[in-house]
Amino acid sequence: MCLPDYSCFVESDNLTEQTKVIDDLFEPSYSILRFTLRDGMFMQNAKLHAKNYAEFIELIRSRLLNICNNTEQIGPSSRDVDHLADIVGAHPRLGESAKKLSASSKKEQQKLQNNNDPIEIREMIAKLNNAYEKKYPGLRFVVFVNGRSRPQIIRDMQRRIESGNSWFEEARIAINELCDIAQDRVSKGKLQSLKCKY
């Protein structure tokens, strides 16, 4: 992933180019754009208080967690429930076919993409994905894989399914995991220090 210089990104008037960056960091989602790039107050805050991508991602984390907390207070009738589900649901399922993954997700999940795995392992991951999505409708199981093995991920999936967490608790966990993944993508990405092209 090659990111433009942060100051070029945050000061840009080119929403299409900015959207590409957000898509690379988080996965394509209309709702994340709604709460970030399409929100003038959020972007003004980012220009004033975020000096780099890491700080920008932390502003996004704070914004999404606040939305989740406020939505929980309002209840399931809030339209923001759908927006939260859109953001979390944009992340691919663990173990999903490589054809359906973004370049970043493909790289992150490559340990889970081993076609030499026994079919039981692949079926277990698929079964756990389904169980999680049944328990938390609209959400996807999101975890910062960070090089962990399939058995470790399977244990984490089972623990979260059996945790008794509410939908909003899982949404908060997913938001934190998404932001951790975005931070990792920034740390591994190449920043362009060339003049702003947009």
N, C-alpha and C. Protein backbone atom coordinates (compact mmCIF):
# COMPACT_ATOMS: atom_id res chain seq x y z
N MET A 1 0.85 -1.16 0.00
CA MET A 1 0.00 0.00 0.00
C MET A 1 0.90 1.23 0.00
N CYS A 2 0.59 2.16 -0.86
CA CYS A 2 1.36 3.40 -0.95
C CYS A 2 0.42 4.56 -0.62
N LEU A 3 0.71 5.26 0.46
CA LEU A 3 -0.13 6.35 0.93
C LEU A 3 0.48 7.69 0.57
N PRO A 4 -0.35 8.67 0.22
CA PRO A 4 0.18 10.01 0.00
C PRO A 4 0.64 10.61 1.33
N ASP A 5 1.49 11.59 1.26
CA ASP A 5 1.89 12.32 2.45
C ASP A 5 0.62 12.74 3.20
N TYR A 6 0.65 12.60 4.52
CA TYR A 6 -0.56 12.87 5.31
C TYR A 6 -1.10 14.28 5.10
N SER A 7 -0.24 15.28 5.10
CA SER A 7 -0.74 16.65 4.94
C SER A 7 -1.42 16.83 3.59
N CYS A 8 -0.92 16.18 2.56
CA CYS A 8 -1.59 16.23 1.25
C CYS A 8 -2.97 15.58 1.34
N PHE A 9 -3.03 14.44 2.01
CA PHE A 9 -4.31 13.73 2.15
C PHE A 9 -5.33 14.57 2.90
N VAL A 10 -4.98 15.07 4.07
CA VAL A 10 -5.96 15.73 4.92
C VAL A 10 -6.39 17.10 4.37
N GLU A 11 -5.52 17.76 3.62
CA GLU A 11 -5.84 19.08 3.06
C GLU A 11 -6.48 19.00 1.68
N SER A 12 -6.53 17.83 1.11
CA SER A 12 -7.03 17.67 -0.25
C SER A 12 -8.51 18.02 -0.39
N ASP A 13 -8.86 18.51 -1.57
CA ASP A 13 -10.27 18.73 -1.93
C ASP A 13 -10.77 17.60 -2.83
N ASN A 14 -9.90 16.61 -3.10
CA ASN A 14 -10.24 15.52 -4.00
C ASN A 14 -10.80 14.35 -3.19
N LEU A 15 -12.12 14.31 -3.05
CA LEU A 15 -12.77 13.28 -2.24
C LEU A 15 -12.51 11.88 -2.79
N THR A 16 -12.39 11.75 -4.10
CA THR A 16 -12.14 10.43 -4.70
C THR A 16 -10.79 9.88 -4.24
N GLU A 17 -9.77 10.72 -4.27
CA GLU A 17 -8.44 10.28 -3.83
C GLU A 17 -8.41 10.02 -2.33
N GLN A 18 -9.08 10.87 -1.54
CA GLN A 18 -9.14 10.64 -0.10
C GLN A 18 -9.87 9.33 0.21
N THR A 19 -10.92 9.06 -0.53
CA THR A 19 -11.69 7.83 -0.33
C THR A 19 -10.82 6.60 -0.56
N LYS A 20 -9.96 6.65 -1.58
CA LYS A 20 -9.05 5.52 -1.83
C LYS A 20 -8.18 5.23 -0.61
N VAL A 21 -7.73 6.28 0.07
CA VAL A 21 -6.90 6.10 1.25
C VAL A 21 -7.70 5.43 2.37
N ILE A 22 -8.90 5.95 2.63
CA ILE A 22 -9.75 5.37 3.68
C ILE A 22 -10.08 3.91 3.35
N ASP A 23 -10.39 3.64 2.07
CA ASP A 23 -10.67 2.26 1.65
C ASP A 23 -9.47 1.35 1.89
N ASP A 24 -8.26 1.85 1.62
CA ASP A 24 -7.06 1.05 1.85
C ASP A 24 -6.82 0.80 3.33
N LEU A 25 -7.12 1.78 4.15
CA LEU A 25 -6.87 1.64 5.58
C LEU A 25 -7.92 0.78 6.27
N PHE A 26 -9.19 0.89 5.84
CA PHE A 26 -10.27 0.23 6.57
C PHE A 26 -11.05 -0.82 5.78
N GLU A 27 -11.20 -0.72 4.52
CA GLU A 27 -12.04 -1.49 3.61
C GLU A 27 -13.19 -0.57 3.18
N PRO A 28 -13.63 -0.70 1.94
CA PRO A 28 -14.67 0.21 1.43
C PRO A 28 -15.99 0.14 2.21
N SER A 29 -16.44 1.30 2.68
CA SER A 29 -17.70 1.41 3.42
C SER A 29 -18.22 2.83 3.29
N TYR A 30 -19.45 2.96 2.80
CA TYR A 30 -20.06 4.30 2.71
C TYR A 30 -20.13 4.94 4.10
N SER A 31 -20.47 4.17 5.09
CA SER A 31 -20.71 4.72 6.42
C SER A 31 -19.46 5.30 7.06
N ILE A 32 -18.30 4.67 6.84
CA ILE A 32 -17.09 5.24 7.42
C ILE A 32 -16.78 6.58 6.76
N LEU A 33 -17.10 6.69 5.48
CA LEU A 33 -16.91 7.97 4.79
C LEU A 33 -17.86 9.02 5.35
N ARG A 34 -19.08 8.60 5.64
CA ARG A 34 -20.09 9.51 6.19
C ARG A 34 -19.63 10.13 7.50
N PHE A 35 -18.97 9.35 8.34
CA PHE A 35 -18.55 9.84 9.64
C PHE A 35 -17.15 10.47 9.63
N THR A 36 -16.47 10.41 8.49
CA THR A 36 -15.12 10.97 8.42
C THR A 36 -15.03 12.00 7.30
N LEU A 37 -14.69 11.58 6.11
CA LEU A 37 -14.45 12.51 5.01
C LEU A 37 -15.64 13.39 4.67
N ARG A 38 -16.85 12.86 4.80
CA ARG A 38 -18.05 13.61 4.45
C ARG A 38 -18.60 14.45 5.61
N ASP A 39 -17.90 14.41 6.73
CA ASP A 39 -18.30 15.18 7.91
C ASP A 39 -17.33 16.35 8.07
N GLY A 40 -17.79 17.55 7.71
CA GLY A 40 -16.94 18.73 7.74
C GLY A 40 -16.33 19.01 9.10
N MET A 41 -17.11 18.82 10.16
CA MET A 41 -16.57 19.06 11.51
C MET A 41 -15.47 18.06 11.86
N PHE A 42 -15.68 16.79 11.47
CA PHE A 42 -14.65 15.79 11.74
C PHE A 42 -13.36 16.15 11.01
N MET A 43 -13.48 16.50 9.73
CA MET A 43 -12.28 16.81 8.95
C MET A 43 -11.59 18.07 9.46
N GLN A 44 -12.36 19.05 9.90
CA GLN A 44 -11.75 20.25 10.48
C GLN A 44 -10.97 19.88 11.75
N ASN A 45 -11.55 19.03 12.57
CA ASN A 45 -10.88 18.54 13.77
C ASN A 45 -9.60 17.79 13.39
N ALA A 46 -9.66 16.98 12.35
CA ALA A 46 -8.48 16.23 11.90
C ALA A 46 -7.38 17.17 11.44
N LYS A 47 -7.74 18.23 10.72
CA LYS A 47 -6.74 19.19 10.25
C LYS A 47 -6.07 19.90 11.43
N LEU A 48 -6.82 20.13 12.48
CA LEU A 48 -6.28 20.83 13.65
C LEU A 48 -5.50 19.93 14.61
N HIS A 49 -5.95 18.69 14.75
CA HIS A 49 -5.43 17.86 15.85
C HIS A 49 -4.67 16.60 15.43
N ALA A 50 -4.73 16.21 14.19
CA ALA A 50 -4.01 15.00 13.75
C ALA A 50 -2.85 15.40 12.86
N LYS A 51 -1.67 15.04 13.26
CA LYS A 51 -0.45 15.44 12.53
C LYS A 51 0.06 14.34 11.60
N ASN A 52 -0.55 13.15 11.67
CA ASN A 52 -0.11 12.03 10.85
C ASN A 52 -1.25 11.01 10.76
N TYR A 53 -1.04 9.98 9.97
CA TYR A 53 -2.08 8.96 9.80
C TYR A 53 -2.43 8.25 11.11
N ALA A 54 -1.43 7.98 11.94
CA ALA A 54 -1.70 7.29 13.21
C ALA A 54 -2.67 8.11 14.07
N GLU A 55 -2.44 9.41 14.16
CA GLU A 55 -3.34 10.27 14.94
C GLU A 55 -4.71 10.38 14.27
N PHE A 56 -4.74 10.40 12.95
CA PHE A 56 -6.00 10.45 12.21
C PHE A 56 -6.83 9.19 12.51
N ILE A 57 -6.19 8.03 12.51
CA ILE A 57 -6.88 6.77 12.80
C ILE A 57 -7.41 6.80 14.24
N GLU A 58 -6.66 7.37 15.16
CA GLU A 58 -7.15 7.46 16.54
C GLU A 58 -8.36 8.39 16.64
N LEU A 59 -8.42 9.43 15.83
CA LEU A 59 -9.62 10.28 15.79
C LEU A 59 -10.81 9.48 15.26
N ILE A 60 -10.57 8.65 14.25
CA ILE A 60 -11.63 7.80 13.72
C ILE A 60 -12.09 6.82 14.78
N ARG A 61 -11.16 6.21 15.49
CA ARG A 61 -11.51 5.26 16.56
C ARG A 61 -12.42 5.95 17.58
N SER A 62 -12.01 7.12 18.03
CA SER A 62 -12.79 7.86 19.02
C SER A 62 -14.18 8.20 18.49
N ARG A 63 -14.25 8.64 17.24
CA ARG A 63 -15.53 9.00 16.62
C ARG A 63 -16.45 7.79 16.55
N LEU A 64 -15.94 6.67 16.08
CA LEU A 64 -16.78 5.48 15.93
C LEU A 64 -17.21 4.92 17.28
N LEU A 65 -16.32 4.94 18.26
CA LEU A 65 -16.71 4.46 19.59
C LEU A 65 -17.77 5.37 20.22
N ASN A 66 -17.64 6.68 20.01
CA ASN A 66 -18.68 7.60 20.50
C ASN A 66 -20.02 7.34 19.82
N ILE A 67 -19.99 7.10 18.52
CA ILE A 67 -21.22 6.79 17.79
C ILE A 67 -21.83 5.51 18.34
N CYS A 68 -21.00 4.51 18.58
CA CYS A 68 -21.48 3.24 19.12
C CYS A 68 -22.11 3.45 20.49
N ASN A 69 -21.44 4.19 21.36
CA ASN A 69 -21.97 4.44 22.70
C ASN A 69 -23.28 5.21 22.65
N ASN A 70 -23.34 6.25 21.82
CA ASN A 70 -24.57 7.04 21.69
C ASN A 70 -25.71 6.21 21.11
N THR A 71 -25.38 5.38 20.14
CA THR A 71 -26.39 4.52 19.51
C THR A 71 -26.93 3.51 20.50
N GLU A 72 -26.07 2.98 21.34
CA GLU A 72 -26.51 2.03 22.37
C GLU A 72 -27.51 2.70 23.31
N GLN A 73 -27.29 3.97 23.64
CA GLN A 73 -28.20 4.71 24.51
C GLN A 73 -29.57 4.90 23.86
N ILE A 74 -29.56 5.17 22.54
CA ILE A 74 -30.82 5.37 21.80
C ILE A 74 -31.55 4.06 21.62
N GLY A 75 -30.79 3.02 21.30
CA GLY A 75 -31.36 1.69 21.11
C GLY A 75 -31.32 1.25 19.67
N PRO A 76 -31.77 0.03 19.42
CA PRO A 76 -31.67 -0.57 18.08
C PRO A 76 -32.44 0.17 17.00
N SER A 77 -33.34 1.07 17.37
CA SER A 77 -34.10 1.80 16.35
C SER A 77 -33.27 2.90 15.70
N SER A 78 -32.11 3.21 16.27
CA SER A 78 -31.24 4.25 15.71
C SER A 78 -30.73 3.81 14.34
N ARG A 79 -30.72 4.74 13.38
CA ARG A 79 -30.19 4.43 12.04
C ARG A 79 -28.70 4.15 12.09
N ASP A 80 -28.04 4.65 13.14
CA ASP A 80 -26.60 4.42 13.23
C ASP A 80 -26.24 2.96 13.46
N VAL A 81 -27.20 2.15 13.92
CA VAL A 81 -26.95 0.71 14.01
C VAL A 81 -26.58 0.17 12.63
N ASP A 82 -27.31 0.59 11.61
CA ASP A 82 -27.01 0.15 10.25
C ASP A 82 -25.65 0.65 9.78
N HIS A 83 -25.32 1.89 10.16
CA HIS A 83 -24.02 2.43 9.78
C HIS A 83 -22.88 1.67 10.46
N LEU A 84 -23.05 1.36 11.73
CA LEU A 84 -22.02 0.58 12.43
C LEU A 84 -21.86 -0.80 11.79
N ALA A 85 -22.99 -1.42 11.46
CA ALA A 85 -22.94 -2.74 10.81
C ALA A 85 -22.27 -2.64 9.45
N ASP A 86 -22.51 -1.55 8.72
CA ASP A 86 -21.87 -1.37 7.41
C ASP A 86 -20.35 -1.26 7.55
N ILE A 87 -19.90 -0.53 8.55
CA ILE A 87 -18.46 -0.35 8.76
C ILE A 87 -17.80 -1.68 9.13
N VAL A 88 -18.38 -2.37 10.11
CA VAL A 88 -17.81 -3.64 10.56
C VAL A 88 -17.99 -4.72 9.48
N GLY A 89 -19.14 -4.72 8.83
CA GLY A 89 -19.43 -5.72 7.80
C GLY A 89 -18.62 -5.55 6.52
N ALA A 90 -17.99 -4.40 6.35
CA ALA A 90 -17.15 -4.19 5.17
C ALA A 90 -15.87 -5.03 5.26
N HIS A 91 -15.50 -5.38 6.47
CA HIS A 91 -14.29 -6.20 6.64
C HIS A 91 -14.60 -7.62 6.17
N PRO A 92 -13.69 -8.24 5.46
CA PRO A 92 -13.97 -9.60 4.96
C PRO A 92 -14.01 -10.64 6.08
N ARG A 93 -14.74 -11.71 5.80
CA ARG A 93 -14.79 -12.83 6.75
C ARG A 93 -13.41 -13.47 6.83
N LEU A 94 -13.06 -13.94 8.01
CA LEU A 94 -11.81 -14.68 8.16
C LEU A 94 -11.86 -15.95 7.33
N GLY A 95 -10.76 -16.21 6.65
CA GLY A 95 -10.68 -17.42 5.84
C GLY A 95 -11.42 -17.33 4.52
N GLU A 96 -11.93 -16.14 4.17
CA GLU A 96 -12.70 -15.98 2.94
C GLU A 96 -11.79 -16.22 1.73
N SER A 97 -12.41 -16.61 0.64
CA SER A 97 -11.68 -16.84 -0.60
C SER A 97 -10.84 -15.62 -0.94
N ALA A 98 -9.60 -15.86 -1.33
CA ALA A 98 -8.68 -14.76 -1.65
C ALA A 98 -9.23 -13.86 -2.76
N LYS A 99 -10.10 -14.40 -3.60
CA LYS A 99 -10.68 -13.61 -4.69
C LYS A 99 -11.55 -12.47 -4.15
N LYS A 100 -12.08 -12.62 -2.93
CA LYS A 100 -12.98 -11.62 -2.36
C LYS A 100 -12.28 -10.65 -1.43
N LEU A 101 -10.96 -10.75 -1.30
CA LEU A 101 -10.22 -9.93 -0.35
C LEU A 101 -9.54 -8.75 -1.04
N SER A 102 -9.44 -7.64 -0.32
CA SER A 102 -8.63 -6.52 -0.79
C SER A 102 -7.17 -6.95 -0.72
N ALA A 103 -6.30 -6.21 -1.38
CA ALA A 103 -4.88 -6.55 -1.36
C ALA A 103 -4.34 -6.57 0.07
N SER A 104 -4.77 -5.61 0.89
CA SER A 104 -4.29 -5.56 2.27
C SER A 104 -4.81 -6.75 3.07
N SER A 105 -6.10 -7.06 2.94
CA SER A 105 -6.66 -8.20 3.68
C SER A 105 -6.04 -9.51 3.23
N LYS A 106 -5.78 -9.63 1.94
CA LYS A 106 -5.17 -10.85 1.41
C LYS A 106 -3.82 -11.09 2.09
N LYS A 107 -3.04 -10.05 2.20
CA LYS A 107 -1.72 -10.16 2.82
C LYS A 107 -1.86 -10.51 4.31
N GLU A 108 -2.79 -9.85 4.99
CA GLU A 108 -2.98 -10.08 6.43
C GLU A 108 -3.51 -11.47 6.74
N GLN A 109 -4.34 -12.00 5.85
CA GLN A 109 -4.96 -13.30 6.13
C GLN A 109 -4.22 -14.46 5.48
N GLN A 110 -3.07 -14.23 4.91
CA GLN A 110 -2.42 -15.30 4.15
C GLN A 110 -2.17 -16.54 5.00
N LYS A 111 -1.95 -16.40 6.29
CA LYS A 111 -1.79 -17.59 7.14
C LYS A 111 -3.09 -18.37 7.24
N LEU A 112 -4.23 -17.69 7.04
CA LEU A 112 -5.52 -18.38 7.10
C LEU A 112 -5.94 -18.92 5.73
N GLN A 113 -5.16 -18.65 4.71
CA GLN A 113 -5.53 -19.03 3.34
C GLN A 113 -4.82 -20.28 2.86
N ASN A 114 -4.31 -21.06 3.75
CA ASN A 114 -3.54 -22.23 3.39
C ASN A 114 -4.47 -23.33 2.87
N ASN A 115 -4.42 -23.54 1.57
CA ASN A 115 -5.29 -24.56 0.97
C ASN A 115 -4.86 -25.97 1.34
N ASN A 116 -3.70 -26.10 1.98
CA ASN A 116 -3.25 -27.41 2.43
C ASN A 116 -3.83 -27.77 3.80
N ASP A 117 -4.57 -26.84 4.38
CA ASP A 117 -5.20 -27.13 5.67
C ASP A 117 -6.17 -28.28 5.51
N PRO A 118 -6.30 -29.07 6.56
CA PRO A 118 -7.34 -30.09 6.51
C PRO A 118 -8.70 -29.40 6.34
N ILE A 119 -9.58 -30.05 5.66
CA ILE A 119 -10.90 -29.48 5.42
C ILE A 119 -11.61 -29.16 6.73
N GLU A 120 -11.28 -29.92 7.78
CA GLU A 120 -11.91 -29.66 9.09
C GLU A 120 -11.59 -28.26 9.61
N ILE A 121 -10.38 -27.79 9.37
CA ILE A 121 -9.98 -26.45 9.82
C ILE A 121 -10.76 -25.40 9.04
N ARG A 122 -10.80 -25.55 7.73
CA ARG A 122 -11.54 -24.58 6.89
C ARG A 122 -13.02 -24.59 7.25
N GLU A 123 -13.57 -25.77 7.47
CA GLU A 123 -14.99 -25.86 7.84
C GLU A 123 -15.24 -25.25 9.22
N MET A 124 -14.29 -25.42 10.14
CA MET A 124 -14.44 -24.85 11.49
C MET A 124 -14.47 -23.33 11.42
N ILE A 125 -13.57 -22.73 10.65
CA ILE A 125 -13.56 -21.27 10.52
C ILE A 125 -14.86 -20.79 9.90
N ALA A 126 -15.34 -21.47 8.85
CA ALA A 126 -16.61 -21.09 8.22
C ALA A 126 -17.77 -21.24 9.21
N LYS A 127 -17.78 -22.33 9.96
CA LYS A 127 -18.84 -22.56 10.95
C LYS A 127 -18.84 -21.48 12.03
N LEU A 128 -17.65 -21.11 12.50
CA LEU A 128 -17.55 -20.07 13.52
C LEU A 128 -17.95 -18.70 12.97
N ASN A 129 -17.58 -18.41 11.72
CA ASN A 129 -18.04 -17.16 11.10
C ASN A 129 -19.56 -17.11 11.10
N ASN A 130 -20.20 -18.21 10.69
CA ASN A 130 -21.66 -18.27 10.65
C ASN A 130 -22.28 -18.13 12.04
N ALA A 131 -21.69 -18.80 13.02
CA ALA A 131 -22.22 -18.72 14.39
C ALA A 131 -22.11 -17.29 14.93
N TYR A 132 -21.00 -16.65 14.65
CA TYR A 132 -20.79 -15.28 15.11
C TYR A 132 -21.83 -14.34 14.46
N GLU A 133 -21.98 -14.47 13.15
CA GLU A 133 -22.90 -13.59 12.42
C GLU A 133 -24.36 -13.84 12.80
N LYS A 134 -24.68 -15.07 13.21
CA LYS A 134 -26.03 -15.36 13.70
C LYS A 134 -26.26 -14.71 15.06
N LYS A 135 -25.24 -14.77 15.92
CA LYS A 135 -25.36 -14.20 17.26
C LYS A 135 -25.35 -12.66 17.23
N TYR A 136 -24.59 -12.09 16.29
CA TYR A 136 -24.46 -10.63 16.18
C TYR A 136 -24.83 -10.20 14.76
N PRO A 137 -26.14 -10.17 14.45
CA PRO A 137 -26.58 -9.86 13.08
C PRO A 137 -26.02 -8.53 12.59
N GLY A 138 -25.51 -8.57 11.37
CA GLY A 138 -24.96 -7.37 10.75
C GLY A 138 -23.48 -7.17 11.00
N LEU A 139 -22.92 -7.86 12.00
CA LEU A 139 -21.50 -7.72 12.29
C LEU A 139 -20.72 -8.88 11.68
N ARG A 140 -19.46 -8.64 11.47
CA ARG A 140 -18.52 -9.69 11.08
C ARG A 140 -17.53 -9.85 12.21
N PHE A 141 -17.01 -11.06 12.37
CA PHE A 141 -15.96 -11.27 13.34
C PHE A 141 -14.71 -10.58 12.81
N VAL A 142 -14.21 -9.60 13.55
CA VAL A 142 -13.02 -8.87 13.14
C VAL A 142 -11.97 -9.04 14.23
N VAL A 143 -10.78 -9.40 13.81
CA VAL A 143 -9.66 -9.52 14.74
C VAL A 143 -8.40 -9.12 13.99
N PHE A 144 -7.53 -8.45 14.69
CA PHE A 144 -6.21 -8.11 14.14
C PHE A 144 -5.39 -9.39 14.18
N VAL A 145 -5.29 -10.08 13.06
CA VAL A 145 -4.65 -11.39 12.99
C VAL A 145 -3.19 -11.31 13.43
N ASN A 146 -2.46 -10.36 12.92
CA ASN A 146 -1.09 -10.08 13.36
C ASN A 146 -0.21 -11.33 13.42
N GLY A 147 -0.31 -12.16 12.39
CA GLY A 147 0.56 -13.33 12.30
C GLY A 147 0.16 -14.52 13.14
N ARG A 148 -0.98 -14.44 13.83
CA ARG A 148 -1.39 -15.57 14.68
C ARG A 148 -1.82 -16.75 13.82
N SER A 149 -1.71 -17.93 14.39
CA SER A 149 -2.05 -19.16 13.67
C SER A 149 -3.56 -19.38 13.64
N ARG A 150 -3.98 -20.28 12.78
CA ARG A 150 -5.40 -20.65 12.68
C ARG A 150 -5.95 -21.18 14.01
N PRO A 151 -5.23 -22.08 14.70
CA PRO A 151 -5.77 -22.54 15.99
C PRO A 151 -5.95 -21.40 17.00
N GLN A 152 -5.04 -20.43 17.01
CA GLN A 152 -5.19 -19.29 17.91
C GLN A 152 -6.43 -18.46 17.54
N ILE A 153 -6.63 -18.25 16.26
CA ILE A 153 -7.78 -17.47 15.79
C ILE A 153 -9.07 -18.21 16.09
N ILE A 154 -9.07 -19.52 15.89
CA ILE A 154 -10.26 -20.33 16.19
C ILE A 154 -10.62 -20.21 17.67
N ARG A 155 -9.63 -20.29 18.54
CA ARG A 155 -9.89 -20.14 19.98
C ARG A 155 -10.46 -18.75 20.29
N ASP A 156 -9.92 -17.73 19.64
CA ASP A 156 -10.42 -16.37 19.86
C ASP A 156 -11.87 -16.24 19.37
N MET A 157 -12.17 -16.83 18.23
CA MET A 157 -13.54 -16.79 17.71
C MET A 157 -14.50 -17.47 18.69
N GLN A 158 -14.11 -18.66 19.17
CA GLN A 158 -14.96 -19.39 20.11
C GLN A 158 -15.17 -18.60 21.39
N ARG A 159 -14.11 -18.00 21.91
CA ARG A 159 -14.21 -17.21 23.13
C ARG A 159 -15.17 -16.04 22.95
N ARG A 160 -15.08 -15.34 21.83
CA ARG A 160 -15.95 -14.19 21.60
C ARG A 160 -17.40 -14.62 21.40
N ILE A 161 -17.63 -15.73 20.73
CA ILE A 161 -19.00 -16.22 20.53
C ILE A 161 -19.62 -16.61 21.86
N GLU A 162 -18.84 -17.21 22.74
CA GLU A 162 -19.34 -17.68 24.04
C GLU A 162 -19.28 -16.62 25.13
N SER A 163 -18.83 -15.43 24.82
CA SER A 163 -18.57 -14.39 25.82
C SER A 163 -19.81 -13.81 26.49
N GLY A 164 -20.93 -13.87 25.80
CA GLY A 164 -22.12 -13.22 26.33
C GLY A 164 -22.14 -11.72 26.08
N ASN A 165 -21.21 -11.23 25.27
CA ASN A 165 -21.17 -9.81 24.94
C ASN A 165 -22.45 -9.38 24.24
N SER A 166 -22.85 -8.15 24.48
CA SER A 166 -23.98 -7.58 23.74
C SER A 166 -23.52 -7.22 22.33
N TRP A 167 -24.48 -6.92 21.47
CA TRP A 167 -24.18 -6.49 20.10
C TRP A 167 -23.26 -5.27 20.14
N PHE A 168 -23.55 -4.32 21.01
CA PHE A 168 -22.76 -3.09 21.06
C PHE A 168 -21.36 -3.34 21.63
N GLU A 169 -21.23 -4.26 22.58
CA GLU A 169 -19.90 -4.61 23.08
C GLU A 169 -19.05 -5.20 21.96
N GLU A 170 -19.67 -6.07 21.15
CA GLU A 170 -18.94 -6.65 20.02
C GLU A 170 -18.63 -5.61 18.97
N ALA A 171 -19.54 -4.67 18.75
CA ALA A 171 -19.28 -3.59 17.79
C ALA A 171 -18.07 -2.77 18.25
N ARG A 172 -17.99 -2.49 19.56
CA ARG A 172 -16.84 -1.74 20.09
C ARG A 172 -15.53 -2.54 19.91
N ILE A 173 -15.59 -3.84 20.19
CA ILE A 173 -14.40 -4.67 19.97
C ILE A 173 -13.99 -4.62 18.51
N ALA A 174 -14.97 -4.77 17.61
CA ALA A 174 -14.67 -4.76 16.17
C ALA A 174 -14.09 -3.42 15.74
N ILE A 175 -14.63 -2.32 16.25
CA ILE A 175 -14.11 -0.99 15.89
C ILE A 175 -12.64 -0.88 16.33
N ASN A 176 -12.35 -1.32 17.54
CA ASN A 176 -10.96 -1.28 18.01
C ASN A 176 -10.06 -2.15 17.16
N GLU A 177 -10.54 -3.34 16.79
CA GLU A 177 -9.74 -4.23 15.94
C GLU A 177 -9.51 -3.60 14.56
N LEU A 178 -10.57 -3.00 13.99
CA LEU A 178 -10.43 -2.35 12.68
C LEU A 178 -9.38 -1.24 12.73
N CYS A 179 -9.41 -0.46 13.80
CA CYS A 179 -8.45 0.64 13.93
C CYS A 179 -7.04 0.11 14.17
N ASP A 180 -6.91 -1.00 14.91
CA ASP A 180 -5.59 -1.62 15.08
C ASP A 180 -5.06 -2.13 13.74
N ILE A 181 -5.94 -2.70 12.94
CA ILE A 181 -5.55 -3.16 11.60
C ILE A 181 -5.10 -1.97 10.75
N ALA A 182 -5.88 -0.88 10.79
CA ALA A 182 -5.52 0.32 10.02
C ALA A 182 -4.16 0.87 10.48
N GLN A 183 -3.92 0.88 11.79
CA GLN A 183 -2.62 1.35 12.29
C GLN A 183 -1.49 0.47 11.76
N ASP A 184 -1.72 -0.83 11.74
CA ASP A 184 -0.72 -1.75 11.21
C ASP A 184 -0.49 -1.51 9.72
N ARG A 185 -1.56 -1.26 8.99
CA ARG A 185 -1.42 -0.98 7.56
C ARG A 185 -0.60 0.27 7.33
N VAL A 186 -0.82 1.30 8.14
CA VAL A 186 -0.03 2.53 8.01
C VAL A 186 1.44 2.24 8.33
N SER A 187 1.68 1.48 9.38
CA SER A 187 3.07 1.23 9.78
C SER A 187 3.83 0.43 8.72
N LYS A 188 3.10 -0.37 7.95
CA LYS A 188 3.74 -1.19 6.92
C LYS A 188 3.65 -0.55 5.53
N GLY A 189 2.87 0.50 5.40
CA GLY A 189 2.69 1.16 4.11
C GLY A 189 3.86 2.05 3.76
N LYS A 190 3.92 2.39 2.50
CA LYS A 190 4.95 3.31 2.03
C LYS A 190 4.29 4.68 1.87
N LEU A 191 4.88 5.67 2.50
CA LEU A 191 4.36 7.02 2.37
C LEU A 191 5.07 7.73 1.23
N GLN A 192 4.28 8.42 0.42
CA GLN A 192 4.86 9.21 -0.66
C GLN A 192 5.24 10.57 -0.09
N SER A 193 6.49 10.94 -0.24
CA SER A 193 6.89 12.25 0.25
C SER A 193 7.06 13.22 -0.91
N LEU A 194 6.42 12.87 -2.02
CA LEU A 194 6.48 13.74 -3.19
C LEU A 194 5.50 14.89 -3.02
N LYS A 195 5.56 15.84 -3.93
CA LYS A 195 4.60 16.93 -3.88
C LYS A 195 3.19 16.37 -4.01
N CYS A 196 2.27 17.10 -3.42
CA CYS A 196 0.88 16.66 -3.48
C CYS A 196 0.43 16.59 -4.92
N LYS A 197 -0.21 15.48 -5.27
CA LYS A 197 -0.71 15.34 -6.64
C LYS A 197 -2.20 15.64 -6.73
N TYR A 198 -2.85 15.89 -5.60
CA TYR A 198 -4.26 16.24 -5.65
C TYR A 198 -4.59 17.27 -4.63
